[in-house]
PDB file of N, CA and C in Angstrom:
ATOM      1  N   MET A   1      82.063 118.760 103.281  1.00  0.00           N
ATOM      2  CA  MET A   1      82.065 118.950 104.732  1.00  0.00           C
ATOM      3  C   MET A   1      81.362 117.774 105.431  1.00  0.00           C
ATOM      4  N   HIS A   2      80.129 117.542 105.014  1.00  0.00           N
ATOM      5  CA  HIS A   2      79.338 116.513 105.692  1.00  0.00           C
ATOM      6  C   HIS A   2      79.972 115.136 105.526  1.00  0.00           C
ATOM      7  N   SER A   3      80.469 114.850 104.325  1.00  0.00           N
ATOM      8  CA  SER A   3      81.038 113.530 104.082  1.00  0.00           C
ATOM      9  C   SER A   3      82.332 113.339 104.873  1.00  0.00           C
ATOM     10  N   SER A   4      83.094 114.439 105.078  1.00  0.00           N
ATOM     11  CA  SER A   4      84.323 114.296 105.854  1.00  0.00           C
ATOM     12  C   SER A   4      83.993 114.003 107.321  1.00  0.00           C
ATOM     13  N   THR A   5      82.921 114.604 107.841  1.00  0.00           N
ATOM     14  CA  THR A   5      82.486 114.292 109.199  1.00  0.00           C
ATOM     15  C   THR A   5      82.060 112.829 109.288  1.00  0.00           C
ATOM     16  N   PHE A   6      81.327 112.378 108.288  1.00  0.00           N
ATOM     17  CA  PHE A   6      80.925 110.971 108.235  1.00  0.00           C
ATOM     18  C   PHE A   6      82.151 110.067 108.211  1.00  0.00           C
ATOM     19  N   PHE A   7      83.146 110.464 107.423  1.00  0.00           N
ATOM     20  CA  PHE A   7      84.380 109.681 107.343  1.00  0.00           C
ATOM     21  C   PHE A   7      85.063 109.624 108.707  1.00  0.00           C
ATOM     22  N   ARG A   8      85.097 110.778 109.409  1.00  0.00           N
ATOM     23  CA  ARG A   8      85.745 110.808 110.720  1.00  0.00           C
ATOM     24  C   ARG A   8      84.995 109.897 111.698  1.00  0.00           C
ATOM     25  N   ASP A   9      83.674 109.930 111.656  1.00  0.00           N
ATOM     26  CA  ASP A   9      82.900 109.056 112.535  1.00  0.00           C
ATOM     27  C   ASP A   9      83.156 107.588 112.212  1.00  0.00           C
ATOM     28  N   SER A  10      83.227 107.265 110.934  1.00  0.00           N
ATOM     29  CA  SER A  10      83.464 105.875 110.566  1.00  0.00           C
ATOM     30  C   SER A  10      84.871 105.454 110.977  1.00  0.00           C
ATOM     31  N   LEU A  11      85.818 106.384 110.979  1.00  0.00           N
ATOM     32  CA  LEU A  11      87.157 106.074 111.487  1.00  0.00           C
ATOM     33  C   LEU A  11      87.083 105.685 112.959  1.00  0.00           C
ATOM     34  N   LYS A  12      86.304 106.428 113.729  1.00  0.00           N
ATOM     35  CA  LYS A  12      86.208 106.143 115.164  1.00  0.00           C
ATOM     36  C   LYS A  12      85.574 104.774 115.408  1.00  0.00           C
ATOM     37  N   THR A  13      84.584 104.418 114.599  1.00  0.00           N
ATOM     38  CA  THR A  13      83.833 103.201 114.886  1.00  0.00           C
ATOM     39  C   THR A  13      84.484 101.964 114.280  1.00  0.00           C
ATOM     40  N   SER A  14      85.347 102.124 113.293  1.00  0.00           N
ATOM     41  CA  SER A  14      85.957 100.951 112.664  1.00  0.00           C
ATOM     42  C   SER A  14      87.157 100.461 113.476  1.00  0.00           C
ATOM     43  N   PRO A  15      87.095  99.239 113.995  1.00  0.00           N
ATOM     44  CA  PRO A  15      88.197  98.726 114.815  1.00  0.00           C
ATOM     45  C   PRO A  15      89.487  98.586 114.015  1.00  0.00           C
ATOM     46  N   PHE A  16      89.368  98.161 112.764  1.00  0.00           N
ATOM     47  CA  PHE A  16      90.565  97.999 111.932  1.00  0.00           C
ATOM     48  C   PHE A  16      91.288  99.321 111.765  1.00  0.00           C
ATOM     49  N   VAL A  17      90.530 100.376 111.441  1.00  0.00           N
ATOM     50  CA  VAL A  17      91.149 101.679 111.189  1.00  0.00           C
ATOM     51  C   VAL A  17      91.695 102.267 112.483  1.00  0.00           C
ATOM     52  N   SER A  18      91.004 102.051 113.599  1.00  0.00           N
ATOM     53  CA  SER A  18      91.506 102.579 114.863  1.00  0.00           C
ATOM     54  C   SER A  18      92.808 101.873 115.255  1.00  0.00           C
ATOM     55  N   LEU A  19      92.882 100.564 114.982  1.00  0.00           N
ATOM     56  CA  LEU A  19      94.141  99.853 115.201  1.00  0.00           C
ATOM     57  C   LEU A  19      95.238 100.443 114.330  1.00  0.00           C
ATOM     58  N   MET A  20      94.920 100.665 113.058  1.00  0.00           N
ATOM     59  CA  MET A  20      95.880 101.224 112.123  1.00  0.00           C
ATOM     60  C   MET A  20      96.323 102.611 112.590  1.00  0.00           C
ATOM     61  N   SER A  21      95.369 103.421 113.066  1.00  0.00           N
ATOM     62  CA  SER A  21      95.698 104.766 113.531  1.00  0.00           C
ATOM     63  C   SER A  21      96.592 104.709 114.773  1.00  0.00           C
ATOM     64  N   LYS A  22      96.268 103.797 115.689  1.00  0.00           N
ATOM     65  CA  LYS A  22      97.104 103.656 116.886  1.00  0.00           C
ATOM     66  C   LYS A  22      98.541 103.343 116.492  1.00  0.00           C
ATOM     67  N   ARG A  23      98.705 102.384 115.610  1.00  0.00           N
ATOM     68  CA  ARG A  23     100.057 102.021 115.189  1.00  0.00           C
ATOM     69  C   ARG A  23     100.724 103.187 114.467  1.00  0.00           C
ATOM     70  N   THR A  24      99.952 103.961 113.729  1.00  0.00           N
ATOM     71  CA  THR A  24     100.529 105.065 112.974  1.00  0.00           C
ATOM     72  C   THR A  24     100.940 106.216 113.890  1.00  0.00           C
ATOM     73  N   PHE A  25     100.047 106.613 114.793  1.00  0.00           N
ATOM     74  CA  PHE A  25     100.242 107.863 115.527  1.00  0.00           C
ATOM     75  C   PHE A  25     100.889 107.662 116.892  1.00  0.00           C
ATOM     76  N   ASP A  26     100.726 106.479 117.491  1.00  0.00           N
ATOM     77  CA  ASP A  26     101.284 106.269 118.819  1.00  0.00           C
ATOM     78  C   ASP A  26     102.685 105.666 118.780  1.00  0.00           C
ATOM     79  N   GLU A  27     103.160 105.292 117.600  1.00  0.00           N
ATOM     80  CA  GLU A  27     104.490 104.687 117.510  1.00  0.00           C
ATOM     81  C   GLU A  27     105.556 105.748 117.800  1.00  0.00           C
ATOM     82  N   PRO A  28     106.465 105.466 118.748  1.00  0.00           N
ATOM     83  CA  PRO A  28     107.454 106.479 119.154  1.00  0.00           C
ATOM     84  C   PRO A  28     108.360 106.891 117.996  1.00  0.00           C
ATOM     85  N   LYS A  29     108.817 105.922 117.214  1.00  0.00           N
ATOM     86  CA  LYS A  29     109.762 106.235 116.147  1.00  0.00           C
ATOM     87  C   LYS A  29     109.054 106.381 114.797  1.00  0.00           C
ATOM     88  N   SER A  30     107.935 107.112 114.811  1.00  0.00           N
ATOM     89  CA  SER A  30     107.212 107.349 113.565  1.00  0.00           C
ATOM     90  C   SER A  30     107.862 108.483 112.785  1.00  0.00           C
ATOM     91  N   PRO A  31     107.790 108.439 111.473  1.00  0.00           N
ATOM     92  CA  PRO A  31     108.365 109.506 110.643  1.00  0.00           C
ATOM     93  C   PRO A  31     107.605 110.822 110.828  1.00  0.00           C
ATOM     94  N   PRO A  32     108.189 111.944 110.410  1.00  0.00           N
ATOM     95  CA  PRO A  32     107.528 113.249 110.571  1.00  0.00           C
ATOM     96  C   PRO A  32     106.131 113.286 109.942  1.00  0.00           C
ATOM     97  N   SER A  33     105.995 112.698 108.765  1.00  0.00           N
ATOM     98  CA  SER A  33     104.668 112.674 108.150  1.00  0.00           C
ATOM     99  C   SER A  33     103.830 111.587 108.801  1.00  0.00           C
ATOM    100  N   PRO A  34     102.580 111.921 109.203  1.00  0.00           N
ATOM    101  CA  PRO A  34     101.746 110.985 109.971  1.00  0.00           C
ATOM    102  C   PRO A  34     101.388 109.712 109.194  1.00  0.00           C
ATOM    103  N   LEU A  35     101.301 109.817 107.871  1.00  0.00           N
ATOM    104  CA  LEU A  35     100.957 108.642 107.075  1.00  0.00           C
ATOM    105  C   LEU A  35     102.059 108.321 106.081  1.00  0.00           C
ATOM    106  N   SER A  36     102.424 107.056 106.002  1.00  0.00           N
ATOM    107  CA  SER A  36     103.353 106.634 104.961  1.00  0.00           C
ATOM    108  C   SER A  36     102.605 106.571 103.627  1.00  0.00           C
ATOM    109  N   PRO A  37     103.323 106.577 102.510  1.00  0.00           N
ATOM    110  CA  PRO A  37     102.654 106.534 101.197  1.00  0.00           C
ATOM    111  C   PRO A  37     101.649 105.385 101.078  1.00  0.00           C
ATOM    112  N   GLY A  38     102.007 104.203 101.574  1.00  0.00           N
ATOM    113  CA  GLY A  38     101.098 103.069 101.503  1.00  0.00           C
ATOM    114  C   GLY A  38      99.819 103.326 102.286  1.00  0.00           C
ATOM    115  N   GLN A  39      99.959 103.947 103.466  1.00  0.00           N
ATOM    116  CA  GLN A  39      98.773 104.221 104.276  1.00  0.00           C
ATOM    117  C   GLN A  39      97.936 105.329 103.650  1.00  0.00           C
ATOM    118  N   GLN A  40      98.584 106.309 103.010  1.00  0.00           N
ATOM    119  CA  GLN A  40      97.826 107.344 102.320  1.00  0.00           C
ATOM    120  C   GLN A  40      96.958 106.716 101.240  1.00  0.00           C
ATOM    121  N   LYS A  41      97.525 105.757 100.506  1.00  0.00           N
ATOM    122  CA  LYS A  41      96.734 105.064  99.479  1.00  0.00           C
ATOM    123  C   LYS A  41      95.544 104.359 100.118  1.00  0.00           C
ATOM    124  N   ARG A  42      95.801 103.707 101.260  1.00  0.00           N
ATOM    125  CA  ARG A  42      94.723 102.962 101.924  1.00  0.00           C
ATOM    126  C   ARG A  42      93.619 103.914 102.378  1.00  0.00           C
ATOM    127  N   VAL A  43      94.020 105.057 102.940  1.00  0.00           N
ATOM    128  CA  VAL A  43      93.020 106.023 103.403  1.00  0.00           C
ATOM    129  C   VAL A  43      92.241 106.587 102.222  1.00  0.00           C
ATOM    130  N   ARG A  44      92.951 106.883 101.127  1.00  0.00           N
ATOM    131  CA  ARG A  44      92.258 107.403  99.950  1.00  0.00           C
ATOM    132  C   ARG A  44      91.256 106.366  99.441  1.00  0.00           C
ATOM    133  N   PHE A  45      91.618 105.081  99.520  1.00  0.00           N
ATOM    134  CA  PHE A  45      90.717 104.012  99.119  1.00  0.00           C
ATOM    135  C   PHE A  45      89.470 104.005 100.005  1.00  0.00           C
ATOM    136  N   LEU A  46      89.667 104.180 101.312  1.00  0.00           N
ATOM    137  CA  LEU A  46      88.525 104.227 102.233  1.00  0.00           C
ATOM    138  C   LEU A  46      87.623 105.417 101.930  1.00  0.00           C
ATOM    139  N   VAL A  47      88.240 106.566 101.638  1.00  0.00           N
ATOM    140  CA  VAL A  47      87.446 107.752 101.322  1.00  0.00           C
ATOM    141  C   VAL A  47      86.625 107.513 100.060  1.00  0.00           C
ATOM    142  N   ASP A  48      87.247 106.886  99.048  1.00  0.00           N
ATOM    143  CA  ASP A  48      86.515 106.602  97.815  1.00  0.00           C
ATOM    144  C   ASP A  48      85.343 105.671  98.093  1.00  0.00           C
ATOM    145  N   ASN A  49      85.547 104.675  98.945  1.00  0.00           N
ATOM    146  CA  ASN A  49      84.456 103.772  99.298  1.00  0.00           C
ATOM    147  C   ASN A  49      83.313 104.530  99.963  1.00  0.00           C
ATOM    148  N   ASN A  50      83.649 105.440 100.877  1.00  0.00           N
ATOM    149  CA  ASN A  50      82.615 106.217 101.551  1.00  0.00           C
ATOM    150  C   ASN A  50      81.866 107.100 100.571  1.00  0.00           C
ATOM    151  N   ASN A  51      82.588 107.673  99.611  1.00  0.00           N
ATOM    152  CA  ASN A  51      81.927 108.505  98.609  1.00  0.00           C
ATOM    153  C   ASN A  51      80.951 107.678  97.779  1.00  0.00           C
ATOM    154  N   ASP A  52      81.326 106.419  97.502  1.00  0.00           N
ATOM    155  CA  ASP A  52      80.409 105.550  96.762  1.00  0.00           C
ATOM    156  C   ASP A  52      79.170 105.227  97.591  1.00  0.00           C
ATOM    157  N   LEU A  53      79.358 105.060  98.885  1.00  0.00           N
ATOM    158  CA  LEU A  53      78.242 104.686  99.747  1.00  0.00           C
ATOM    159  C   LEU A  53      77.245 105.833  99.921  1.00  0.00           C
ATOM    160  N   THR A  54      77.741 107.059 100.005  1.00  0.00           N
ATOM    161  CA  THR A  54      76.830 108.177 100.289  1.00  0.00           C
ATOM    162  C   THR A  54      76.098 108.626  99.039  1.00  0.00           C
TER     163      THR A  54
END
């Protein structure tokens, strides 16, 4: 629970991830699933990094 909140906060503060999120979620012709497989891998990588940090 706590680490997911930390992850959400780090998403808000990271300019790179916010750019990535904007392109993912604000794109008009985005697929039904919010994340493509490549982006899911990237997010999982970020989560693993956060788990290492905490």
